């Protein structure tokens, strides 16, 4: 349960407030917010670990990936030239 109190002539400590609104959180909500923040931090750490693992695995096969990309690029150029050669009025040098 979150209780919203609009400030007029009240003085409250600076936690959970803005200039115009104070949000009171019950202890149950507060514990859930702490758990949510902990899980978000754990998710960020797990994502970073997964990214580093992916980079290590990719790095182990870097030259194979590089060769495959180069060969695909060559095929792409050749197929593009074939498409241009099929067009009406194409003139090729002899």
PDB file of N, CA and C in Angstrom:
ATOM      1  N   UNK A   1       0.843  -1.173   0.000  1.00  0.00           N
ATOM      2  CA  UNK A   1       0.000   0.000   0.000  1.00  0.00           C
ATOM      3  C   UNK A   1       0.885   1.232   0.000  1.00  0.00           C
ATOM      4  N   UNK A   2       0.617   2.142  -0.904  1.00  0.00           N
ATOM      5  CA  UNK A   2       1.356   3.394  -0.964  1.00  0.00           C
ATOM      6  C   UNK A   2       0.375   4.517  -0.659  1.00  0.00           C
ATOM      7  N   UNK A   3       0.716   5.325   0.322  1.00  0.00           N
ATOM      8  CA  UNK A   3      -0.112   6.442   0.735  1.00  0.00           C
ATOM      9  C   UNK A   3       0.549   7.711   0.221  1.00  0.00           C
ATOM     10  N   UNK A   4      -0.194   8.513  -0.521  1.00  0.00           N
ATOM     11  CA  UNK A   4       0.339   9.753  -1.074  1.00  0.00           C
ATOM     12  C   UNK A   4      -0.210  10.911  -0.256  1.00  0.00           C
ATOM     13  N   UNK A   5       0.663  11.730   0.288  1.00  0.00           N
ATOM     14  CA  UNK A   5       0.265  12.886   1.083  1.00  0.00           C
ATOM     15  C   UNK A   5       0.759  14.131   0.359  1.00  0.00           C
ATOM     16  N   UNK A   6      -0.143  15.055   0.092  1.00  0.00           N
ATOM     17  CA  UNK A   6       0.245  16.298  -0.559  1.00  0.00           C
ATOM     18  C   UNK A   6       0.719  17.279   0.500  1.00  0.00           C
ATOM     19  N   UNK A   7       1.874  17.873   0.293  1.00  0.00           N
ATOM     20  CA  UNK A   7       2.474  18.770   1.266  1.00  0.00           C
ATOM     21  C   UNK A   7       1.782  20.125   1.251  1.00  0.00           C
ATOM     22  N   UNK A   8       1.491  20.606   2.424  1.00  0.00           N
ATOM     23  CA  UNK A   8       1.027  21.976   2.550  1.00  0.00           C
ATOM     24  C   UNK A   8       1.817  22.640   3.661  1.00  0.00           C
ATOM     25  N   UNK A   9       1.597  22.231   4.899  1.00  0.00           N
ATOM     26  CA  UNK A   9       2.301  22.823   6.022  1.00  0.00           C
ATOM     27  C   UNK A   9       2.956  21.739   6.867  1.00  0.00           C
ATOM     28  N   UNK A  10       3.333  20.637   6.259  1.00  0.00           N
ATOM     29  CA  UNK A  10       3.918  19.530   6.994  1.00  0.00           C
ATOM     30  C   UNK A  10       5.435  19.528   6.818  1.00  0.00           C
ATOM     31  N   UNK A  11       6.104  18.984   7.799  1.00  0.00           N
ATOM     32  CA  UNK A  11       7.539  18.783   7.662  1.00  0.00           C
ATOM     33  C   UNK A  11       7.804  17.286   7.780  1.00  0.00           C
ATOM     34  N   UNK A  12       8.451  16.721   6.779  1.00  0.00           N
ATOM     35  CA  UNK A  12       8.778  15.312   6.768  1.00  0.00           C
ATOM     36  C   UNK A  12      10.254  15.160   6.428  1.00  0.00           C
ATOM     37  N   UNK A  13      10.864  14.069   6.856  1.00  0.00           N
ATOM     38  CA  UNK A  13      12.258  13.840   6.461  1.00  0.00           C
ATOM     39  C   UNK A  13      12.375  13.717   4.942  1.00  0.00           C
ATOM     40  N   UNK A  14      13.566  13.916   4.391  1.00  0.00           N
ATOM     41  CA  UNK A  14      13.721  14.019   2.945  1.00  0.00           C
ATOM     42  C   UNK A  14      13.611  12.713   2.157  1.00  0.00           C
ATOM     43  N   UNK A  15      13.377  11.564   2.816  1.00  0.00           N
ATOM     44  CA  UNK A  15      13.280  10.327   2.040  1.00  0.00           C
ATOM     45  C   UNK A  15      11.896  10.214   1.406  1.00  0.00           C
ATOM     46  N   UNK A  16      11.834   9.648   0.239  1.00  0.00           N
ATOM     47  CA  UNK A  16      10.577   9.366  -0.477  1.00  0.00           C
ATOM     48  C   UNK A  16       9.703  10.597  -0.621  1.00  0.00           C
ATOM     49  N   UNK A  17      10.274  11.726  -0.955  1.00  0.00           N
ATOM     50  CA  UNK A  17       9.423  12.891  -1.139  1.00  0.00           C
ATOM     51  C   UNK A  17       9.974  13.779  -2.235  1.00  0.00           C
ATOM     52  N   UNK A  18       9.085  14.563  -2.773  1.00  0.00           N
ATOM     53  CA  UNK A  18       9.452  15.629  -3.690  1.00  0.00           C
ATOM     54  C   UNK A  18       9.015  16.925  -3.033  1.00  0.00           C
ATOM     55  N   UNK A  19       9.025  18.016  -3.754  1.00  0.00           N
ATOM     56  CA  UNK A  19       8.597  19.279  -3.163  1.00  0.00           C
ATOM     57  C   UNK A  19       7.102  19.294  -2.867  1.00  0.00           C
ATOM     58  N   UNK A  20       6.331  18.469  -3.582  1.00  0.00           N
ATOM     59  CA  UNK A  20       4.888  18.553  -3.451  1.00  0.00           C
ATOM     60  C   UNK A  20       4.238  17.282  -2.941  1.00  0.00           C
ATOM     61  N   UNK A  21       4.927  16.158  -3.015  1.00  0.00           N
ATOM     62  CA  UNK A  21       4.285  14.885  -2.665  1.00  0.00           C
ATOM     63  C   UNK A  21       5.221  14.050  -1.813  1.00  0.00           C
ATOM     64  N   UNK A  22       4.667  13.393  -0.799  1.00  0.00           N
ATOM     65  CA  UNK A  22       5.394  12.419   0.004  1.00  0.00           C
ATOM     66  C   UNK A  22       4.733  11.069  -0.240  1.00  0.00           C
ATOM     67  N   UNK A  23       5.547  10.061  -0.481  1.00  0.00           N
ATOM     68  CA  UNK A  23       5.011   8.717  -0.689  1.00  0.00           C
ATOM     69  C   UNK A  23       5.440   7.850   0.493  1.00  0.00           C
ATOM     70  N   UNK A  24       4.474   7.471   1.279  1.00  0.00           N
ATOM     71  CA  UNK A  24       4.767   6.584   2.398  1.00  0.00           C
ATOM     72  C   UNK A  24       4.632   5.155   1.914  1.00  0.00           C
ATOM     73  N   UNK A  25       5.649   4.339   2.185  1.00  0.00           N
ATOM     74  CA  UNK A  25       5.596   2.927   1.807  1.00  0.00           C
ATOM     75  C   UNK A  25       5.591   2.099   3.078  1.00  0.00           C
ATOM     76  N   UNK A  26       4.704   1.142   3.088  1.00  0.00           N
ATOM     77  CA  UNK A  26       4.662   0.250   4.246  1.00  0.00           C
ATOM     78  C   UNK A  26       5.918  -0.622   4.249  1.00  0.00           C
ATOM     79  N   UNK A  27       6.160  -1.287   5.356  1.00  0.00           N
ATOM     80  CA  UNK A  27       7.369  -2.111   5.466  1.00  0.00           C
ATOM     81  C   UNK A  27       7.346  -3.262   4.465  1.00  0.00           C
ATOM     82  N   UNK A  28       6.162  -3.784   4.168  1.00  0.00           N
ATOM     83  CA  UNK A  28       6.053  -4.866   3.179  1.00  0.00           C
ATOM     84  C   UNK A  28       6.449  -4.368   1.790  1.00  0.00           C
ATOM     85  N   UNK A  29       5.945  -3.206   1.407  1.00  0.00           N
ATOM     86  CA  UNK A  29       6.290  -2.627   0.103  1.00  0.00           C
ATOM     87  C   UNK A  29       7.771  -2.282   0.072  1.00  0.00           C
ATOM     88  N   UNK A  30       8.267  -1.758   1.181  1.00  0.00           N
ATOM     89  CA  UNK A  30       9.686  -1.421   1.258  1.00  0.00           C
ATOM     90  C   UNK A  30      10.576  -2.651   1.065  1.00  0.00           C
ATOM     91  N   UNK A  31      10.194  -3.763   1.669  1.00  0.00           N
ATOM     92  CA  UNK A  31      10.984  -4.987   1.511  1.00  0.00           C
ATOM     93  C   UNK A  31      10.925  -5.496   0.070  1.00  0.00           C
ATOM     94  N   UNK A  32       9.757  -5.358  -0.571  1.00  0.00           N
ATOM     95  CA  UNK A  32       9.640  -5.775  -1.979  1.00  0.00           C
ATOM     96  C   UNK A  32      10.466  -4.866  -2.892  1.00  0.00           C
ATOM     97  N   UNK A  33      10.518  -3.583  -2.580  1.00  0.00           N
ATOM     98  CA  UNK A  33      11.324  -2.657  -3.379  1.00  0.00           C
ATOM     99  C   UNK A  33      12.805  -3.001  -3.244  1.00  0.00           C
ATOM    100  N   UNK A  34      13.245  -3.303  -2.026  1.00  0.00           N
ATOM    101  CA  UNK A  34      14.648  -3.701  -1.822  1.00  0.00           C
ATOM    102  C   UNK A  34      14.959  -4.992  -2.588  1.00  0.00           C
ATOM    103  N   UNK A  35      14.032  -5.960  -2.549  1.00  0.00           N
ATOM    104  CA  UNK A  35      14.224  -7.219  -3.271  1.00  0.00           C
ATOM    105  C   UNK A  35      14.285  -6.979  -4.782  1.00  0.00           C
ATOM    106  N   UNK A  36      13.397  -6.104  -5.274  1.00  0.00           N
ATOM    107  CA  UNK A  36      13.399  -5.765  -6.700  1.00  0.00           C
ATOM    108  C   UNK A  36      14.722  -5.130  -7.105  1.00  0.00           C
ATOM    109  N   UNK A  37      15.232  -4.216  -6.312  1.00  0.00           N
ATOM    110  CA  UNK A  37      16.525  -3.580  -6.617  1.00  0.00           C
ATOM    111  C   UNK A  37      17.656  -4.587  -6.581  1.00  0.00           C
ATOM    112  N   UNK A  38      17.608  -5.522  -5.623  1.00  0.00           N
ATOM    113  CA  UNK A  38      18.638  -6.561  -5.547  1.00  0.00           C
ATOM    114  C   UNK A  38      18.600  -7.438  -6.791  1.00  0.00           C
ATOM    115  N   UNK A  39      17.399  -7.818  -7.213  1.00  0.00           N
ATOM    116  CA  UNK A  39      17.269  -8.671  -8.397  1.00  0.00           C
ATOM    117  C   UNK A  39      17.689  -7.943  -9.673  1.00  0.00           C
ATOM    118  N   UNK A  40      17.411  -6.643  -9.742  1.00  0.00           N
ATOM    119  CA  UNK A  40      17.863  -5.868 -10.908  1.00  0.00           C
ATOM    120  C   UNK A  40      19.388  -5.827 -10.973  1.00  0.00           C
ATOM    121  N   UNK A  41      20.006  -5.645  -9.827  1.00  0.00           N
ATOM    122  CA  UNK A  41      21.464  -5.632  -9.785  1.00  0.00           C
ATOM    123  C   UNK A  41      22.030  -6.996 -10.167  1.00  0.00           C
ATOM    124  N   UNK A  42      21.405  -8.072  -9.697  1.00  0.00           N
ATOM    125  CA  UNK A  42      21.850  -9.423 -10.050  1.00  0.00           C
ATOM    126  C   UNK A  42      21.675  -9.677 -11.546  1.00  0.00           C
ATOM    127  N   UNK A  43      20.574  -9.174 -12.117  1.00  0.00           N
ATOM    128  CA  UNK A  43      20.350  -9.323 -13.554  1.00  0.00           C
ATOM    129  C   UNK A  43      21.444  -8.622 -14.349  1.00  0.00           C
ATOM    130  N   UNK A  44      21.823  -7.428 -13.922  1.00  0.00           N
ATOM    131  CA  UNK A  44      22.890  -6.702 -14.620  1.00  0.00           C
ATOM    132  C   UNK A  44      24.201  -7.474 -14.548  1.00  0.00           C
ATOM    133  N   UNK A  45      24.504  -8.047 -13.385  1.00  0.00           N
ATOM    134  CA  UNK A  45      25.735  -8.836 -13.258  1.00  0.00           C
ATOM    135  C   UNK A  45      25.693 -10.093 -14.128  1.00  0.00           C
ATOM    136  N   UNK A  46      24.545 -10.770 -14.155  1.00  0.00           N
ATOM    137  CA  UNK A  46      24.411 -11.975 -14.979  1.00  0.00           C
ATOM    138  C   UNK A  46      24.513 -11.656 -16.467  1.00  0.00           C
ATOM    139  N   UNK A  47      23.912 -10.532 -16.883  1.00  0.00           N
ATOM    140  CA  UNK A  47      23.999 -10.130 -18.294  1.00  0.00           C
ATOM    141  C   UNK A  47      25.450  -9.829 -18.681  1.00  0.00           C
ATOM    142  N   UNK A  48      26.161  -9.165 -17.803  1.00  0.00           N
ATOM    143  CA  UNK A  48      27.571  -8.856 -18.078  1.00  0.00           C
ATOM    144  C   UNK A  48      28.395 -10.147 -18.176  1.00  0.00           C
ATOM    145  N   UNK A  49      28.137 -11.097 -17.285  1.00  0.00           N
ATOM    146  CA  UNK A  49      28.864 -12.372 -17.327  1.00  0.00           C
ATOM    147  C   UNK A  49      28.541 -13.138 -18.615  1.00  0.00           C
ATOM    148  N   UNK A  50      27.273 -13.122 -19.031  1.00  0.00           N
ATOM    149  CA  UNK A  50      26.886 -13.803 -20.268  1.00  0.00           C
ATOM    150  C   UNK A  50      27.555 -13.144 -21.481  1.00  0.00           C
ATOM    151  N   UNK A  51      27.636 -11.814 -21.476  1.00  0.00           N
ATOM    152  CA  UNK A  51      28.288 -11.104 -22.576  1.00  0.00           C
ATOM    153  C   UNK A  51      29.769 -11.461 -22.659  1.00  0.00           C
ATOM    154  N   UNK A  52      30.441 -11.510 -21.508  1.00  0.00           N
ATOM    155  CA  UNK A  52      31.855 -11.875 -21.498  1.00  0.00           C
ATOM    156  C   UNK A  52      32.057 -13.312 -21.966  1.00  0.00           C
ATOM    157  N   UNK A  53      31.137 -14.193 -21.600  1.00  0.00           N
ATOM    158  CA  UNK A  53      31.214 -15.581 -22.047  1.00  0.00           C
ATOM    159  C   UNK A  53      31.051 -15.670 -23.570  1.00  0.00           C
ATOM    160  N   UNK A  54      30.083 -14.898 -24.107  1.00  0.00           N
ATOM    161  CA  UNK A  54      29.882 -14.877 -25.555  1.00  0.00           C
ATOM    162  C   UNK A  54      31.124 -14.372 -26.266  1.00  0.00           C
ATOM    163  N   UNK A  55      31.722 -13.291 -25.741  1.00  0.00           N
ATOM    164  CA  UNK A  55      32.923 -12.748 -26.376  1.00  0.00           C
ATOM    165  C   UNK A  55      34.077 -13.739 -26.347  1.00  0.00           C
ATOM    166  N   UNK A  56      34.217 -14.466 -25.250  1.00  0.00           N
ATOM    167  CA  UNK A  56      35.298 -15.459 -25.156  1.00  0.00           C
ATOM    168  C   UNK A  56      35.079 -16.582 -26.162  1.00  0.00           C
ATOM    169  N   UNK A  57      33.828 -17.030 -26.293  1.00  0.00           N
ATOM    170  CA  UNK A  57      33.530 -18.108 -27.247  1.00  0.00           C
ATOM    171  C   UNK A  57      33.719 -17.632 -28.681  1.00  0.00           C
ATOM    172  N   UNK A  58      33.289 -16.417 -28.969  1.00  0.00           N
ATOM    173  CA  UNK A  58      33.449 -15.857 -30.313  1.00  0.00           C
ATOM    174  C   UNK A  58      34.926 -15.674 -30.647  1.00  0.00           C
ATOM    175  N   UNK A  59      35.694 -15.212 -29.661  1.00  0.00           N
ATOM    176  CA  UNK A  59      37.116 -14.981 -29.864  1.00  0.00           C
ATOM    177  C   UNK A  59      37.859 -16.280 -30.170  1.00  0.00           C
ATOM    178  N   UNK A  60      37.382 -17.396 -29.620  1.00  0.00           N
ATOM    179  CA  UNK A  60      38.039 -18.684 -29.865  1.00  0.00           C
ATOM    180  C   UNK A  60      37.926 -19.094 -31.338  1.00  0.00           C
ATOM    181  N   UNK A  61      36.870 -18.630 -32.031  1.00  0.00           N
ATOM    182  CA  UNK A  61      36.643 -19.002 -33.438  1.00  0.00           C
ATOM    183  C   UNK A  61      36.668 -17.762 -34.344  1.00  0.00           C
ATOM    184  N   UNK A  62      37.429 -16.753 -33.950  1.00  0.00           N
ATOM    185  CA  UNK A  62      37.418 -15.475 -34.665  1.00  0.00           C
ATOM    186  C   UNK A  62      37.802 -15.624 -36.132  1.00  0.00           C
ATOM    187  N   UNK A  63      38.879 -16.342 -36.420  1.00  0.00           N
ATOM    188  CA  UNK A  63      39.363 -16.423 -37.800  1.00  0.00           C
ATOM    189  C   UNK A  63      38.408 -17.204 -38.697  1.00  0.00           C
ATOM    190  N   UNK A  64      37.728 -18.198 -38.163  1.00  0.00           N
ATOM    191  CA  UNK A  64      36.724 -18.917 -38.947  1.00  0.00           C
ATOM    192  C   UNK A  64      35.559 -17.984 -39.289  1.00  0.00           C
ATOM    193  N   UNK A  65      35.130 -17.169 -38.311  1.00  0.00           N
ATOM    194  CA  UNK A  65      34.048 -16.207 -38.571  1.00  0.00           C
ATOM    195  C   UNK A  65      34.488 -15.167 -39.594  1.00  0.00           C
ATOM    196  N   UNK A  66      35.718 -14.710 -39.471  1.00  0.00           N
ATOM    197  CA  UNK A  66      36.234 -13.701 -40.391  1.00  0.00           C
ATOM    198  C   UNK A  66      36.273 -14.238 -41.821  1.00  0.00           C
ATOM    199  N   UNK A  67      36.727 -15.474 -41.982  1.00  0.00           N
ATOM    200  CA  UNK A  67      36.795 -16.102 -43.308  1.00  0.00           C
ATOM    201  C   UNK A  67      35.394 -16.275 -43.891  1.00  0.00           C
ATOM    202  N   UNK A  68      34.448 -16.702 -43.065  1.00  0.00           N
ATOM    203  CA  UNK A  68      33.075 -16.889 -43.534  1.00  0.00           C
ATOM    204  C   UNK A  68      32.467 -15.562 -43.981  1.00  0.00           C
ATOM    205  N   UNK A  69      32.667 -14.503 -43.221  1.00  0.00           N
ATOM    206  CA  UNK A  69      32.133 -13.189 -43.586  1.00  0.00           C
ATOM    207  C   UNK A  69      32.755 -12.696 -44.883  1.00  0.00           C
ATOM    208  N   UNK A  70      34.047 -12.906 -45.050  1.00  0.00           N
ATOM    209  CA  UNK A  70      34.724 -12.479 -46.279  1.00  0.00           C
ATOM    210  C   UNK A  70      34.163 -13.232 -47.493  1.00  0.00           C
ATOM    211  N   UNK A  71      33.960 -14.536 -47.361  1.00  0.00           N
ATOM    212  CA  UNK A  71      33.423 -15.328 -48.480  1.00  0.00           C
ATOM    213  C   UNK A  71      31.977 -14.945 -48.802  1.00  0.00           C
ATOM    214  N   UNK A  72      31.196 -14.641 -47.793  1.00  0.00           N
ATOM    215  CA  UNK A  72      29.813 -14.209 -48.033  1.00  0.00           C
ATOM    216  C   UNK A  72      29.811 -12.859 -48.745  1.00  0.00           C
ATOM    217  N   UNK A  73      30.725 -11.972 -48.382  1.00  0.00           N
ATOM    218  CA  UNK A  73      30.814 -10.663 -49.043  1.00  0.00           C
ATOM    219  C   UNK A  73      31.187 -10.823 -50.509  1.00  0.00           C
ATOM    220  N   UNK A  74      32.089 -11.737 -50.821  1.00  0.00           N
ATOM    221  CA  UNK A  74      32.475 -11.989 -52.215  1.00  0.00           C
ATOM    222  C   UNK A  74      31.287 -12.539 -53.005  1.00  0.00           C
ATOM    223  N   UNK A  75      30.561 -13.474 -52.417  1.00  0.00           N
ATOM    224  CA  UNK A  75      29.366 -14.014 -53.088  1.00  0.00           C
ATOM    225  C   UNK A  75      28.326 -12.925 -53.319  1.00  0.00           C
ATOM    226  N   UNK A  76      28.157 -12.031 -52.358  1.00  0.00           N
ATOM    227  CA  UNK A  76      27.196 -10.941 -52.499  1.00  0.00           C
ATOM    228  C   UNK A  76      27.566 -10.042 -53.674  1.00  0.00           C
ATOM    229  N   UNK A  77      28.840  -9.731 -53.821  1.00  0.00           N
ATOM    230  CA  UNK A  77      29.291  -8.900 -54.943  1.00  0.00           C
ATOM    231  C   UNK A  77      29.049  -9.616 -56.261  1.00  0.00           C
ATOM    232  N   UNK A  78      29.375 -10.910 -56.319  1.00  0.00           N
ATOM    233  CA  UNK A  78      29.190 -11.661 -57.570  1.00  0.00           C
ATOM    234  C   UNK A  78      27.714 -11.752 -57.949  1.00  0.00           C
ATOM    235  N   UNK A  79      26.841 -12.015 -56.995  1.00  0.00           N
ATOM    236  CA  UNK A  79      25.406 -12.084 -57.292  1.00  0.00           C
ATOM    237  C   UNK A  79      24.862 -10.719 -57.720  1.00  0.00           C
ATOM    238  N   UNK A  80      25.373  -9.647 -57.137  1.00  0.00           N
ATOM    239  CA  UNK A  80      24.948  -8.303 -57.543  1.00  0.00           C
ATOM    240  C   UNK A  80      25.373  -8.026 -58.974  1.00  0.00           C
ATOM    241  N   UNK A  81      26.581  -8.437 -59.343  1.00  0.00           N
ATOM    242  CA  UNK A  81      27.037  -8.252 -60.723  1.00  0.00           C
ATOM    243  C   UNK A  81      26.204  -9.073 -61.709  1.00  0.00           C
ATOM    244  N   UNK A  82      25.795 -10.267 -61.299  1.00  0.00           N
ATOM    245  CA  UNK A  82      24.932 -11.096 -62.155  1.00  0.00           C
ATOM    246  C   UNK A  82      23.602 -10.396 -62.389  1.00  0.00           C
ATOM    247  N   UNK A  83      23.022  -9.803 -61.330  1.00  0.00           N
ATOM    248  CA  UNK A  83      21.749  -9.095 -61.476  1.00  0.00           C
ATOM    249  C   UNK A  83      21.886  -7.896 -62.407  1.00  0.00           C
ATOM    250  N   UNK A  84      22.993  -7.181 -62.299  1.00  0.00           N
ATOM    251  CA  UNK A  84      23.218  -6.026 -63.179  1.00  0.00           C
ATOM    252  C   UNK A  84      23.391  -6.503 -64.613  1.00  0.00           C
ATOM    253  N   UNK A  85      24.091  -7.603 -64.827  1.00  0.00           N
ATOM    254  CA  UNK A  85      24.336  -8.112 -66.182  1.00  0.00           C
ATOM    255  C   UNK A  85      23.044  -8.574 -66.846  1.00  0.00           C
ATOM    256  N   UNK A  86      22.043  -8.970 -66.050  1.00  0.00           N
ATOM    257  CA  UNK A  86      20.766  -9.416 -66.624  1.00  0.00           C
ATOM    258  C   UNK A  86      19.890  -8.262 -67.106  1.00  0.00           C
ATOM    259  N   UNK A  87      20.206  -7.040 -66.702  1.00  0.00           N
ATOM    260  CA  UNK A  87      19.356  -5.896 -67.037  1.00  0.00           C
ATOM    261  C   UNK A  87      19.451  -5.549 -68.516  1.00  0.00           C
ATOM    262  N   UNK A  88      18.355  -5.018 -69.036  1.00  0.00           N
ATOM    263  CA  UNK A  88      18.277  -4.599 -70.433  1.00  0.00           C
ATOM    264  C   UNK A  88      19.232  -3.433 -70.670  1.00  0.00           C
ATOM    265  N   UNK A  89      20.005  -3.498 -71.712  1.00  0.00           N
ATOM    266  CA  UNK A  89      20.892  -2.403 -72.077  1.00  0.00           C
ATOM    267  C   UNK A  89      22.227  -2.411 -71.346  1.00  0.00           C
ATOM    268  N   UNK A  90      22.499  -3.467 -70.635  1.00  0.00           N
ATOM    269  CA  UNK A  90      23.774  -3.547 -69.923  1.00  0.00           C
ATOM    270  C   UNK A  90      24.889  -3.743 -70.948  1.00  0.00           C
ATOM    271  N   UNK A  91      25.923  -3.004 -70.785  1.00  0.00           N
ATOM    272  CA  UNK A  91      27.063  -3.089 -71.698  1.00  0.00           C
ATOM    273  C   UNK A  91      28.283  -3.471 -70.900  1.00  0.00           C
ATOM    274  N   UNK A  92      28.948  -4.529 -71.289  1.00  0.00           N
ATOM    275  CA  UNK A  92      30.138  -4.936 -70.544  1.00  0.00           C
ATOM    276  C   UNK A  92      31.379  -4.720 -71.401  1.00  0.00           C
ATOM    277  N   UNK A  93      32.461  -4.455 -70.711  1.00  0.00           N
ATOM    278  CA  UNK A  93      33.719  -4.250 -71.397  1.00  0.00           C
ATOM    279  C   UNK A  93      34.296  -5.579 -71.822  1.00  0.00           C
ATOM    280  N   UNK A  94      34.986  -5.552 -72.982  1.00  0.00           N
ATOM    281  CA  UNK A  94      35.579  -6.775 -73.498  1.00  0.00           C
ATOM    282  C   UNK A  94      37.085  -6.663 -73.454  1.00  0.00           C
TER     283      UNK A  94
END
